[in-house]
C-alpha atoms as a PDB file:
ATOM      1  CA  UNK A   1       0.020  -0.025   0.066  1.00  0.00           C
ATOM      2  CA  UNK A   2       1.137   3.609  -0.697  1.00  0.00           C
ATOM      3  CA  UNK A   3       1.354   5.721   2.315  1.00  0.00           C
ATOM      4  CA  UNK A   4       1.444   9.478   1.771  1.00  0.00           C
ATOM      5  CA  UNK A   5       0.832  12.815   3.411  1.00  0.00           C
ATOM      6  CA  UNK A   6      -2.051  14.736   1.939  1.00  0.00           C
ATOM      7  CA  UNK A   7      -3.039  18.029   3.537  1.00  0.00           C
ATOM      8  CA  UNK A   8      -1.495  16.999   6.755  1.00  0.00           C
ATOM      9  CA  UNK A   9      -3.468  13.716   7.080  1.00  0.00           C
ATOM     10  CA  UNK A  10      -1.748  10.337   6.909  1.00  0.00           C
ATOM     11  CA  UNK A  11      -3.575   8.281   4.277  1.00  0.00           C
ATOM     12  CA  UNK A  12      -3.266   4.609   3.744  1.00  0.00           C
ATOM     13  CA  UNK A  13      -4.175   3.836   0.192  1.00  0.00           C
ATOM     14  CA  UNK A  14      -5.127   0.156  -0.821  1.00  0.00           C
ATOM     15  CA  UNK A  15      -5.405  -0.341  -4.554  1.00  0.00           C
ATOM     16  CA  UNK A  16      -7.035  -3.124  -6.354  1.00  0.00           C
ATOM     17  CA  UNK A  17      -4.495  -5.778  -7.251  1.00  0.00           C
ATOM     18  CA  UNK A  18      -3.360  -6.689 -10.772  1.00  0.00           C
ATOM     19  CA  UNK A  19      -4.853 -10.194 -10.476  1.00  0.00           C
ATOM     20  CA  UNK A  20      -8.541 -11.249 -10.354  1.00  0.00           C
ATOM     21  CA  UNK A  21      -8.611 -14.763  -8.683  1.00  0.00           C
ATOM     22  CA  UNK A  22     -11.146 -17.499  -9.361  1.00  0.00           C
ATOM     23  CA  UNK A  23     -11.788 -20.547  -7.166  1.00  0.00           C
ATOM     24  CA  UNK A  24     -12.590 -23.630  -9.222  1.00  0.00           C
ATOM     25  CA  UNK A  25     -14.251 -26.185  -7.000  1.00  0.00           C
ATOM     26  CA  UNK A  26     -13.309 -29.171  -9.002  1.00  0.00           C
ATOM     27  CA  UNK A  27     -10.610 -31.578  -7.822  1.00  0.00           C
ATOM     28  CA  UNK A  28      -7.939 -32.166 -10.355  1.00  0.00           C
ATOM     29  CA  UNK A  29      -4.215 -32.885 -10.332  1.00  0.00           C
ATOM     30  CA  UNK A  30      -1.845 -29.900 -10.756  1.00  0.00           C
ATOM     31  CA  UNK A  31      -1.252 -30.391 -14.463  1.00  0.00           C
ATOM     32  CA  UNK A  32      -4.992 -30.821 -15.215  1.00  0.00           C
ATOM     33  CA  UNK A  33      -5.718 -27.615 -13.037  1.00  0.00           C
ATOM     34  CA  UNK A  34      -3.094 -25.766 -15.016  1.00  0.00           C
ATOM     35  CA  UNK A  35      -4.803 -26.858 -18.396  1.00  0.00           C
ATOM     36  CA  UNK A  36      -8.224 -25.693 -17.168  1.00  0.00           C
ATOM     37  CA  UNK A  37      -6.892 -22.337 -15.994  1.00  0.00           C
ATOM     38  CA  UNK A  38      -5.120 -21.712 -19.287  1.00  0.00           C
ATOM     39  CA  UNK A  39      -8.185 -22.636 -21.168  1.00  0.00           C
ATOM     40  CA  UNK A  40     -10.748 -20.631 -19.163  1.00  0.00           C
ATOM     41  CA  UNK A  41      -8.716 -17.972 -17.556  1.00  0.00           C
ATOM     42  CA  UNK A  42      -5.110 -16.789 -17.850  1.00  0.00           C
ATOM     43  CA  UNK A  43      -3.208 -19.375 -15.791  1.00  0.00           C
ATOM     44  CA  UNK A  44      -2.988 -20.926 -12.393  1.00  0.00           C
ATOM     45  CA  UNK A  45      -2.805 -18.223  -9.646  1.00  0.00           C
ATOM     46  CA  UNK A  46       0.459 -16.262  -9.318  1.00  0.00           C
ATOM     47  CA  UNK A  47       0.671 -14.730  -5.858  1.00  0.00           C
ATOM     48  CA  UNK A  48       3.218 -11.829  -5.532  1.00  0.00           C
ATOM     49  CA  UNK A  49       2.229 -10.038  -2.223  1.00  0.00           C
ATOM     50  CA  UNK A  50       0.458 -10.337   1.020  1.00  0.00           C
ATOM     51  CA  UNK A  51      -2.590  -8.390  -0.642  1.00  0.00           C
ATOM     52  CA  UNK A  52      -2.595 -11.163  -3.306  1.00  0.00           C
ATOM     53  CA  UNK A  53      -2.904 -13.641  -0.378  1.00  0.00           C
ATOM     54  CA  UNK A  54      -5.852 -11.813   1.029  1.00  0.00           C
ATOM     55  CA  UNK A  55      -7.518 -11.904  -2.357  1.00  0.00           C
ATOM     56  CA  UNK A  56      -6.848 -15.515  -2.692  1.00  0.00           C
ATOM     57  CA  UNK A  57      -8.592 -16.179   0.548  1.00  0.00           C
ATOM     58  CA  UNK A  58     -11.544 -14.213  -0.488  1.00  0.00           C
ATOM     59  CA  UNK A  59     -12.158 -16.459  -3.440  1.00  0.00           C
ATOM     60  CA  UNK A  60     -14.171 -18.940  -1.254  1.00  0.00           C
ATOM     61  CA  UNK A  61     -15.863 -18.547   2.051  1.00  0.00           C
ATOM     62  CA  UNK A  62     -16.816 -22.203   2.704  1.00  0.00           C
ATOM     63  CA  UNK A  63     -13.641 -24.262   1.722  1.00  0.00           C
ATOM     64  CA  UNK A  64     -11.279 -24.959   4.537  1.00  0.00           C
ATOM     65  CA  UNK A  65      -8.922 -27.273   2.640  1.00  0.00           C
ATOM     66  CA  UNK A  66      -6.139 -26.478   0.126  1.00  0.00           C
ATOM     67  CA  UNK A  67      -6.119 -25.400  -3.435  1.00  0.00           C
ATOM     68  CA  UNK A  68      -3.427 -25.560  -6.148  1.00  0.00           C
ATOM     69  CA  UNK A  69      -1.613 -22.281  -7.028  1.00  0.00           C
ATOM     70  CA  UNK A  70       0.843 -21.812  -9.952  1.00  0.00           C
ATOM     71  CA  UNK A  71       4.122 -22.396  -8.077  1.00  0.00           C
ATOM     72  CA  UNK A  72       5.942 -25.730  -8.887  1.00  0.00           C
ATOM     73  CA  UNK A  73       9.312 -27.372  -8.672  1.00  0.00           C
ATOM     74  CA  UNK A  74      11.131 -28.121 -11.870  1.00  0.00           C
ATOM     75  CA  UNK A  75      14.291 -29.994 -10.857  1.00  0.00           C
ATOM     76  CA  UNK A  76      15.517 -30.206 -14.414  1.00  0.00           C
ATOM     77  CA  UNK A  77      15.015 -26.805 -16.081  1.00  0.00           C
ATOM     78  CA  UNK A  78      14.968 -24.270 -13.338  1.00  0.00           C
ATOM     79  CA  UNK A  79      18.771 -24.149 -12.673  1.00  0.00           C
ATOM     80  CA  UNK A  80      20.516 -20.835 -13.083  1.00  0.00           C
ATOM     81  CA  UNK A  81      24.153 -19.674 -12.686  1.00  0.00           C
ATOM     82  CA  UNK A  82      25.048 -16.946 -10.150  1.00  0.00           C
ATOM     83  CA  UNK A  83      27.051 -15.268 -12.946  1.00  0.00           C
ATOM     84  CA  UNK A  84      24.233 -14.329 -15.314  1.00  0.00           C
ATOM     85  CA  UNK A  85      26.223 -12.365 -17.966  1.00  0.00           C
ATOM     86  CA  UNK A  86      24.948 -14.122 -21.162  1.00  0.00           C
ATOM     87  CA  UNK A  87      28.045 -13.159 -23.090  1.00  0.00           C
ATOM     88  CA  UNK A  88      30.171 -15.384 -20.781  1.00  0.00           C
ATOM     89  CA  UNK A  89      28.498 -18.591 -22.129  1.00  0.00           C
ATOM     90  CA  UNK A  90      28.965 -20.003 -25.569  1.00  0.00           C
ATOM     91  CA  UNK A  91      26.342 -22.250 -27.401  1.00  0.00           C
ATOM     92  CA  UNK A  92      25.263 -24.964 -24.945  1.00  0.00           C
ATOM     93  CA  UNK A  93      27.634 -23.817 -22.206  1.00  0.00           C
ATOM     94  CA  UNK A  94      24.885 -22.305 -19.936  1.00  0.00           C
ATOM     95  CA  UNK A  95      23.223 -25.677 -19.707  1.00  0.00           C
ATOM     96  CA  UNK A  96      26.346 -27.839 -19.182  1.00  0.00           C
ATOM     97  CA  UNK A  97      25.707 -30.262 -16.227  1.00  0.00           C
ATOM     98  CA  UNK A  98      27.802 -33.028 -14.657  1.00  0.00           C
ATOM     99  CA  UNK A  99      25.161 -34.594 -12.299  1.00  0.00           C
ATOM    100  CA  UNK A 100      26.054 -37.757 -10.401  1.00  0.00           C
ATOM    101  CA  UNK A 101      23.895 -40.757 -10.870  1.00  0.00           C
ATOM    102  CA  UNK A 102      20.302 -39.982  -9.793  1.00  0.00           C
ATOM    103  CA  UNK A 103      20.861 -36.260  -9.248  1.00  0.00           C
ATOM    104  CA  UNK A 104      19.344 -33.949  -8.795  1.00  0.00           C
ATOM    105  CA  UNK A 105      16.872 -35.458  -6.466  1.00  0.00           C
ATOM    106  CA  UNK A 106      15.655 -32.570  -4.381  1.00  0.00           C
ATOM    107  CA  UNK A 107      15.827 -34.680  -1.266  1.00  0.00           C
ATOM    108  CA  UNK A 108      13.413 -33.312   1.413  1.00  0.00           C
ATOM    109  CA  UNK A 109      12.117 -30.730  -1.028  1.00  0.00           C
ATOM    110  CA  UNK A 110      15.042 -28.279   0.125  1.00  0.00           C
ATOM    111  CA  UNK A 111      17.998 -28.917  -2.280  1.00  0.00           C
ATOM    112  CA  UNK A 112      18.233 -25.806  -4.385  1.00  0.00           C
ATOM    113  CA  UNK A 113      22.037 -25.343  -4.476  1.00  0.00           C
ATOM    114  CA  UNK A 114      24.800 -27.391  -6.105  1.00  0.00           C
ATOM    115  CA  UNK A 115      27.989 -28.734  -4.790  1.00  0.00           C
ATOM    116  CA  UNK A 116      30.840 -30.540  -6.482  1.00  0.00           C
ATOM    117  CA  UNK A 117      32.246 -33.613  -4.655  1.00  0.00           C
ATOM    118  CA  UNK A 118      35.856 -34.080  -4.082  1.00  0.00           C
ATOM    119  CA  UNK A 119      35.143 -37.008  -1.647  1.00  0.00           C
ATOM    120  CA  UNK A 120      31.880 -38.877  -1.379  1.00  0.00           C
ATOM    121  CA  UNK A 121      29.953 -41.793  -2.826  1.00  0.00           C
ATOM    122  CA  UNK A 122      29.818 -39.908  -6.050  1.00  0.00           C
ATOM    123  CA  UNK A 123      32.665 -39.989  -8.444  1.00  0.00           C
ATOM    124  CA  UNK A 124      35.096 -37.067  -7.902  1.00  0.00           C
ATOM    125  CA  UNK A 125      33.961 -33.965  -9.879  1.00  0.00           C
ATOM    126  CA  UNK A 126      30.308 -34.931 -10.063  1.00  0.00           C
ATOM    127  CA  UNK A 127      27.569 -32.602  -8.969  1.00  0.00           C
ATOM    128  CA  UNK A 128      24.818 -33.068  -6.461  1.00  0.00           C
ATOM    129  CA  UNK A 129      21.907 -30.852  -5.380  1.00  0.00           C
ATOM    130  CA  UNK A 130      22.185 -29.944  -1.656  1.00  0.00           C
ATOM    131  CA  UNK A 131      20.301 -27.775   0.842  1.00  0.00           C
ATOM    132  CA  UNK A 132      21.498 -24.132   0.415  1.00  0.00           C
ATOM    133  CA  UNK A 133      21.980 -23.820   4.328  1.00  0.00           C
ATOM    134  CA  UNK A 134      24.719 -26.529   4.408  1.00  0.00           C
ATOM    135  CA  UNK A 135      28.061 -25.096   4.965  1.00  0.00           C
ATOM    136  CA  UNK A 136      31.005 -26.107   2.687  1.00  0.00           C
ATOM    137  CA  UNK A 137      34.106 -24.691   1.074  1.00  0.00           C
ATOM    138  CA  UNK A 138      33.429 -23.055  -2.419  1.00  0.00           C
ATOM    139  CA  UNK A 139      35.052 -21.942  -5.638  1.00  0.00           C
ATOM    140  CA  UNK A 140      35.103 -18.419  -6.846  1.00  0.00           C
ATOM    141  CA  UNK A 141      35.669 -17.170 -10.276  1.00  0.00           C
ATOM    142  CA  UNK A 142      38.090 -14.349 -10.745  1.00  0.00           C
ATOM    143  CA  UNK A 143      38.120 -13.530 -14.459  1.00  0.00           C
ATOM    144  CA  UNK A 144      40.173 -14.905 -17.246  1.00  0.00           C
ATOM    145  CA  UNK A 145      44.026 -15.323 -17.272  1.00  0.00           C
ATOM    146  CA  UNK A 146      45.494 -15.922 -20.643  1.00  0.00           C
ATOM    147  CA  UNK A 147      42.200 -16.952 -22.025  1.00  0.00           C
ATOM    148  CA  UNK A 148      41.540 -19.537 -19.300  1.00  0.00           C
ATOM    149  CA  UNK A 149      39.170 -19.084 -16.311  1.00  0.00           C
ATOM    150  CA  UNK A 150      40.723 -18.230 -13.018  1.00  0.00           C
ATOM    151  CA  UNK A 151      39.283 -20.079 -10.066  1.00  0.00           C
ATOM    152  CA  UNK A 152      39.980 -19.653  -6.334  1.00  0.00           C
ATOM    153  CA  UNK A 153      39.253 -22.307  -3.663  1.00  0.00           C
ATOM    154  CA  UNK A 154      38.091 -20.821  -0.291  1.00  0.00           C
ATOM    155  CA  UNK A 155      39.697 -21.985   2.849  1.00  0.00           C
ATOM    156  CA  UNK A 156      36.609 -21.273   4.868  1.00  0.00           C
ATOM    157  CA  UNK A 157      33.044 -22.943   4.855  1.00  0.00           C
ATOM    158  CA  UNK A 158      29.977 -20.981   4.361  1.00  0.00           C
ATOM    159  CA  UNK A 159      26.380 -21.673   3.261  1.00  0.00           C
ATOM    160  CA  UNK A 160      25.642 -21.025  -0.457  1.00  0.00           C
ATOM    161  CA  UNK A 161      24.273 -17.529   0.004  1.00  0.00           C
ATOM    162  CA  UNK A 162      27.223 -16.432   2.128  1.00  0.00           C
ATOM    163  CA  UNK A 163      29.556 -18.000  -0.340  1.00  0.00           C
ATOM    164  CA  UNK A 164      27.966 -16.062  -3.224  1.00  0.00           C
ATOM    165  CA  UNK A 165      28.314 -12.816  -1.311  1.00  0.00           C
ATOM    166  CA  UNK A 166      32.029 -13.605  -0.367  1.00  0.00           C
ATOM    167  CA  UNK A 167      32.915 -14.449  -4.152  1.00  0.00           C
ATOM    168  CA  UNK A 168      31.138 -11.240  -5.399  1.00  0.00           C
ATOM    169  CA  UNK A 169      32.684  -8.917  -2.826  1.00  0.00           C
ATOM    170  CA  UNK A 170      36.378 -10.437  -3.184  1.00  0.00           C
ATOM    171  CA  UNK A 171      36.442 -11.804  -6.776  1.00  0.00           C
ATOM    172  CA  UNK A 172      33.932 -11.688  -9.718  1.00  0.00           C
ATOM    173  CA  UNK A 173      31.238 -14.303  -8.663  1.00  0.00           C
ATOM    174  CA  UNK A 174      30.872 -17.808  -7.684  1.00  0.00           C
ATOM    175  CA  UNK A 175      32.308 -20.409 -10.178  1.00  0.00           C
ATOM    176  CA  UNK A 176      30.282 -21.285 -13.296  1.00  0.00           C
ATOM    177  CA  UNK A 177      31.340 -24.565 -15.089  1.00  0.00           C
ATOM    178  CA  UNK A 178      30.771 -24.230 -18.795  1.00  0.00           C
ATOM    179  CA  UNK A 179      32.160 -27.525 -20.064  1.00  0.00           C
ATOM    180  CA  UNK A 180      34.084 -30.756 -19.113  1.00  0.00           C
ATOM    181  CA  UNK A 181      37.398 -28.973 -19.424  1.00  0.00           C
ATOM    182  CA  UNK A 182      36.463 -26.436 -16.714  1.00  0.00           C
ATOM    183  CA  UNK A 183      34.822 -29.245 -14.581  1.00  0.00           C
ATOM    184  CA  UNK A 184      38.424 -31.025 -14.697  1.00  0.00           C
ATOM    185  CA  UNK A 185      40.168 -27.825 -13.624  1.00  0.00           C
ATOM    186  CA  UNK A 186      37.841 -27.460 -10.663  1.00  0.00           C
ATOM    187  CA  UNK A 187      38.144 -31.264  -9.914  1.00  0.00           C
ATOM    188  CA  UNK A 188      41.941 -30.816  -9.741  1.00  0.00           C
ATOM    189  CA  UNK A 189      41.588 -27.661  -7.563  1.00  0.00           C
ATOM    190  CA  UNK A 190      39.355 -28.971  -4.892  1.00  0.00           C
ATOM    191  CA  UNK A 191      41.288 -32.270  -4.131  1.00  0.00           C
ATOM    192  CA  UNK A 192      39.205 -34.016  -1.455  1.00  0.00           C
ATOM    193  CA  UNK A 193      37.060 -31.011  -0.637  1.00  0.00           C
ATOM    194  CA  UNK A 194      33.279 -30.827  -1.264  1.00  0.00           C
ATOM    195  CA  UNK A 195      32.587 -27.296  -2.582  1.00  0.00           C
ATOM    196  CA  UNK A 196      29.782 -25.046  -3.641  1.00  0.00           C
ATOM    197  CA  UNK A 197      29.647 -23.869  -7.280  1.00  0.00           C
ATOM    198  CA  UNK A 198      27.421 -21.006  -8.626  1.00  0.00           C
ATOM    199  CA  UNK A 199      24.435 -23.214  -9.741  1.00  0.00           C
ATOM    200  CA  UNK A 200      20.997 -22.776  -7.891  1.00  0.00           C
ATOM    201  CA  UNK A 201      17.293 -22.713  -8.716  1.00  0.00           C
ATOM    202  CA  UNK A 202      14.098 -21.380  -7.475  1.00  0.00           C
ATOM    203  CA  UNK A 203      10.629 -22.702  -7.892  1.00  0.00           C
ATOM    204  CA  UNK A 204       8.867 -21.518 -11.047  1.00  0.00           C
ATOM    205  CA  UNK A 205       5.565 -19.853 -11.639  1.00  0.00           C
ATOM    206  CA  UNK A 206       3.198 -21.440 -14.247  1.00  0.00           C
ATOM    207  CA  UNK A 207       2.766 -18.060 -16.017  1.00  0.00           C
ATOM    208  CA  UNK A 208       6.523 -17.285 -16.085  1.00  0.00           C
ATOM    209  CA  UNK A 209       6.404 -14.696 -13.346  1.00  0.00           C
ATOM    210  CA  UNK A 210       9.873 -14.113 -11.725  1.00  0.00           C
ATOM    211  CA  UNK A 211       8.279 -13.027  -8.391  1.00  0.00           C
ATOM    212  CA  UNK A 212      10.292 -14.284  -5.442  1.00  0.00           C
ATOM    213  CA  UNK A 213       7.412 -13.685  -2.860  1.00  0.00           C
ATOM    214  CA  UNK A 214       6.952 -16.834  -0.785  1.00  0.00           C
ATOM    215  CA  UNK A 215       4.269 -17.551   1.832  1.00  0.00           C
ATOM    216  CA  UNK A 216       5.234 -20.868   3.180  1.00  0.00           C
ATOM    217  CA  UNK A 217       3.605 -22.597   6.220  1.00  0.00           C
ATOM    218  CA  UNK A 218       5.872 -23.636   9.105  1.00  0.00           C
ATOM    219  CA  UNK A 219       8.095 -26.461   8.191  1.00  0.00           C
ATOM    220  CA  UNK A 220       7.382 -26.073   4.418  1.00  0.00           C
ATOM    221  CA  UNK A 221       8.548 -27.026   1.748  1.00  0.00           C
ATOM    222  CA  UNK A 222       9.222 -30.517   2.921  1.00  0.00           C
ATOM    223  CA  UNK A 223       8.429 -33.030   0.222  1.00  0.00           C
ATOM    224  CA  UNK A 224      10.791 -36.001   0.010  1.00  0.00           C
ATOM    225  CA  UNK A 225      11.576 -35.892  -3.714  1.00  0.00           C
ATOM    226  CA  UNK A 226      10.479 -35.288  -7.363  1.00  0.00           C
ATOM    227  CA  UNK A 227       8.777 -32.393  -9.052  1.00  0.00           C
ATOM    228  CA  UNK A 228       6.515 -30.916  -6.554  1.00  0.00           C
ATOM    229  CA  UNK A 229       3.574 -28.576  -6.711  1.00  0.00           C
ATOM    230  CA  UNK A 230       2.353 -25.890  -4.398  1.00  0.00           C
ATOM    231  CA  UNK A 231      -1.087 -25.414  -2.679  1.00  0.00           C
ATOM    232  CA  UNK A 232      -2.454 -22.528  -0.479  1.00  0.00           C
ATOM    233  CA  UNK A 233      -4.475 -23.341   2.587  1.00  0.00           C
ATOM    234  CA  UNK A 234      -7.802 -21.691   3.323  1.00  0.00           C
ATOM    235  CA  UNK A 235      -7.602 -22.652   7.007  1.00  0.00           C
ATOM    236  CA  UNK A 236      -3.948 -21.457   7.481  1.00  0.00           C
ATOM    237  CA  UNK A 237      -4.083 -17.945   6.459  1.00  0.00           C
ATOM    238  CA  UNK A 238      -3.503 -18.741   2.768  1.00  0.00           C
ATOM    239  CA  UNK A 239      -0.018 -20.183   3.589  1.00  0.00           C
ATOM    240  CA  UNK A 240       1.604 -22.666   1.254  1.00  0.00           C
ATOM    241  CA  UNK A 241       2.816 -26.254   1.218  1.00  0.00           C
ATOM    242  CA  UNK A 242       4.309 -28.530  -1.341  1.00  0.00           C
ATOM    243  CA  UNK A 243       2.170 -31.445  -2.335  1.00  0.00           C
ATOM    244  CA  UNK A 244       2.480 -34.360  -4.698  1.00  0.00           C
ATOM    245  CA  UNK A 245       1.494 -33.033  -8.183  1.00  0.00           C
ATOM    246  CA  UNK A 246      -0.770 -36.091  -8.663  1.00  0.00           C
ATOM    247  CA  UNK A 247      -2.964 -35.178  -5.742  1.00  0.00           C
ATOM    248  CA  UNK A 248      -6.424 -34.125  -6.633  1.00  0.00           C
ATOM    249  CA  UNK A 249      -7.337 -30.615  -5.244  1.00  0.00           C
ATOM    250  CA  UNK A 250      -9.561 -27.649  -6.181  1.00  0.00           C
ATOM    251  CA  UNK A 251      -7.485 -24.789  -7.549  1.00  0.00           C
ATOM    252  CA  UNK A 252      -7.405 -21.094  -8.136  1.00  0.00           C
ATOM    253  CA  UNK A 253      -6.872 -19.433 -11.465  1.00  0.00           C
ATOM    254  CA  UNK A 254      -6.427 -15.762 -12.328  1.00  0.00           C
ATOM    255  CA  UNK A 255      -7.171 -13.206 -14.977  1.00  0.00           C
ATOM    256  CA  UNK A 256      -5.564  -9.736 -15.165  1.00  0.00           C
ATOM    257  CA  UNK A 257      -7.855  -7.264 -13.526  1.00  0.00           C
ATOM    258  CA  UNK A 258      -9.755  -4.902 -15.845  1.00  0.00           C
ATOM    259  CA  UNK A 259      -7.928  -1.545 -15.543  1.00  0.00           C
ATOM    260  CA  UNK A 260     -11.229   0.244 -15.889  1.00  0.00           C
ATOM    261  CA  UNK A 261     -12.326  -1.213 -12.536  1.00  0.00           C
ATOM    262  CA  UNK A 262      -9.035  -0.109 -10.916  1.00  0.00           C
ATOM    263  CA  UNK A 263     -10.093   1.605  -7.641  1.00  0.00           C
ATOM    264  CA  UNK A 264      -8.277   2.948  -4.591  1.00  0.00           C
ATOM    265  CA  UNK A 265      -9.821   3.278  -1.282  1.00  0.00           C
ATOM    266  CA  UNK A 266      -8.201   5.579   1.312  1.00  0.00           C
ATOM    267  CA  UNK A 267      -8.757   5.639   4.975  1.00  0.00           C
ATOM    268  CA  UNK A 268      -7.576   8.081   7.656  1.00  0.00           C
ATOM    269  CA  UNK A 269      -5.305   6.718  10.181  1.00  0.00           C
END
């Protein structure tokens, strides 16, 4: 909400949201719900603010269960490099991966960052998805020297976000690995250490929104494995949980609000 001073009075202005939500009281799996929303509305609900959560809750007064929204896990296609300069990557290099067998597996629904193993059950130099709050050593990228990438192995252990901050502060960024040659350089550099590299992912919105707003219930997300889908709870203040995508639930779709109906309500504090 916008808060402004007008003629000395403090006004709190609440404007209509950009999304109009629709509760569909038919139980379908997530993919089926997505298809119905895209056919009859715009897409499954994208929720980008607490005001959107309130509007989601207002779509039904008599349902106390859960309903699908548009957020989902894509363990294959949602990975990004911390270093996001597109000119740094040649054809096919942004999508180079060296996953270990059965990886990424998103164990416990929380593994959104990537480590390279110098010592584990995986072969040396293979990648694994790991919970971002784990602490490990990490590899920073420090530009090119004589046409080859320069990598620096940290001598401290940090979680992934702290490692990213450290690399960006002291070097260029966290290490990207663009091809097998670079993976070999890093494998040699790390020896027997397990290290973070700059690959991470976020859950995706069905409509392609890049909103990072999250409204998880306590202890969520917590699913054991696989591509997971997200539902909002009408009995828990609209808060979210990850659910098996094959579960049948009602769902909430959206259409963009009609701009001609855009209204603001102001109230004196």
